């Protein structure tokens, strides 16, 4: 489980409606926190939302090779 904010929760729920997100302290509105299940696609989207995504560098292709 990973802690998320309410704005991240709303964005993730729009894109992944079946992901499990739980909230603690439902009876006291000042103390609740959101937690999300760690799944590959939602975690990748969360990293994109937080600006932590790492893009793969593109490989350089050998342009000197001639096609036959």
Protein backbone atom coordinates (compact mmCIF):
# COMPACT_ATOMS: atom_id res chain seq x y z
CA UNK A 1 0.00 0.00 0.00
CA UNK A 2 1.21 3.48 -0.83
CA UNK A 3 -0.03 6.81 0.56
CA UNK A 4 -1.63 9.17 -1.97
CA UNK A 5 -3.33 12.57 -1.85
CA UNK A 6 -6.98 13.26 -2.58
CA UNK A 7 -6.18 14.91 -5.94
CA UNK A 8 -4.09 11.88 -6.95
CA UNK A 9 -6.94 9.60 -5.83
CA UNK A 10 -9.43 11.43 -8.05
CA UNK A 11 -7.14 11.31 -11.10
CA UNK A 12 -6.36 7.61 -10.60
CA UNK A 13 -10.03 6.72 -10.11
CA UNK A 14 -10.91 8.42 -13.42
CA UNK A 15 -8.29 6.49 -15.36
CA UNK A 16 -8.40 3.18 -13.41
CA UNK A 17 -11.89 2.71 -11.91
CA UNK A 18 -11.15 -0.83 -10.62
CA UNK A 19 -8.07 0.01 -8.54
CA UNK A 20 -8.42 -0.47 -4.78
CA UNK A 21 -8.09 2.77 -2.82
CA UNK A 22 -8.94 2.85 0.89
CA UNK A 23 -9.42 5.72 3.31
CA UNK A 24 -8.61 5.63 7.02
CA UNK A 25 -10.55 7.32 9.84
CA UNK A 26 -13.88 7.60 8.03
CA UNK A 27 -15.70 8.95 11.10
CA UNK A 28 -13.32 11.90 11.69
CA UNK A 29 -12.95 13.96 8.51
CA UNK A 30 -9.79 15.78 9.65
CA UNK A 31 -7.64 12.69 10.06
CA UNK A 32 -8.25 10.47 7.04
CA UNK A 33 -5.55 9.36 4.63
CA UNK A 34 -5.78 7.58 1.29
CA UNK A 35 -3.84 4.43 0.40
CA UNK A 36 -3.64 2.67 -2.95
CA UNK A 37 -2.82 -0.91 -3.79
CA UNK A 38 0.52 -1.23 -5.57
CA UNK A 39 -0.26 -2.35 -9.13
CA UNK A 40 1.94 -1.74 -12.16
CA UNK A 41 -0.24 0.54 -14.33
CA UNK A 42 -1.69 2.73 -11.53
CA UNK A 43 1.77 3.09 -9.94
CA UNK A 44 3.24 4.19 -13.25
CA UNK A 45 0.43 6.74 -13.67
CA UNK A 46 1.02 7.96 -10.09
CA UNK A 47 4.70 8.52 -10.82
CA UNK A 48 3.68 10.51 -13.91
CA UNK A 49 1.33 12.63 -11.78
CA UNK A 50 4.11 13.27 -9.26
CA UNK A 51 6.62 14.10 -12.01
CA UNK A 52 8.90 11.21 -11.12
CA UNK A 53 8.54 9.20 -14.32
CA UNK A 54 11.75 8.19 -16.05
CA UNK A 55 11.59 8.09 -19.80
CA UNK A 56 13.79 5.57 -21.53
CA UNK A 57 16.50 7.15 -23.64
CA UNK A 58 16.12 6.34 -27.29
CA UNK A 59 18.74 4.09 -28.76
CA UNK A 60 20.90 5.47 -31.49
CA UNK A 61 20.60 3.57 -34.71
CA UNK A 62 23.48 2.95 -37.03
CA UNK A 63 22.65 5.14 -40.04
CA UNK A 64 25.66 4.01 -42.03
CA UNK A 65 24.20 0.58 -42.79
CA UNK A 66 22.88 0.33 -46.33
CA UNK A 67 19.89 -1.82 -47.18
CA UNK A 68 20.16 -4.42 -49.91
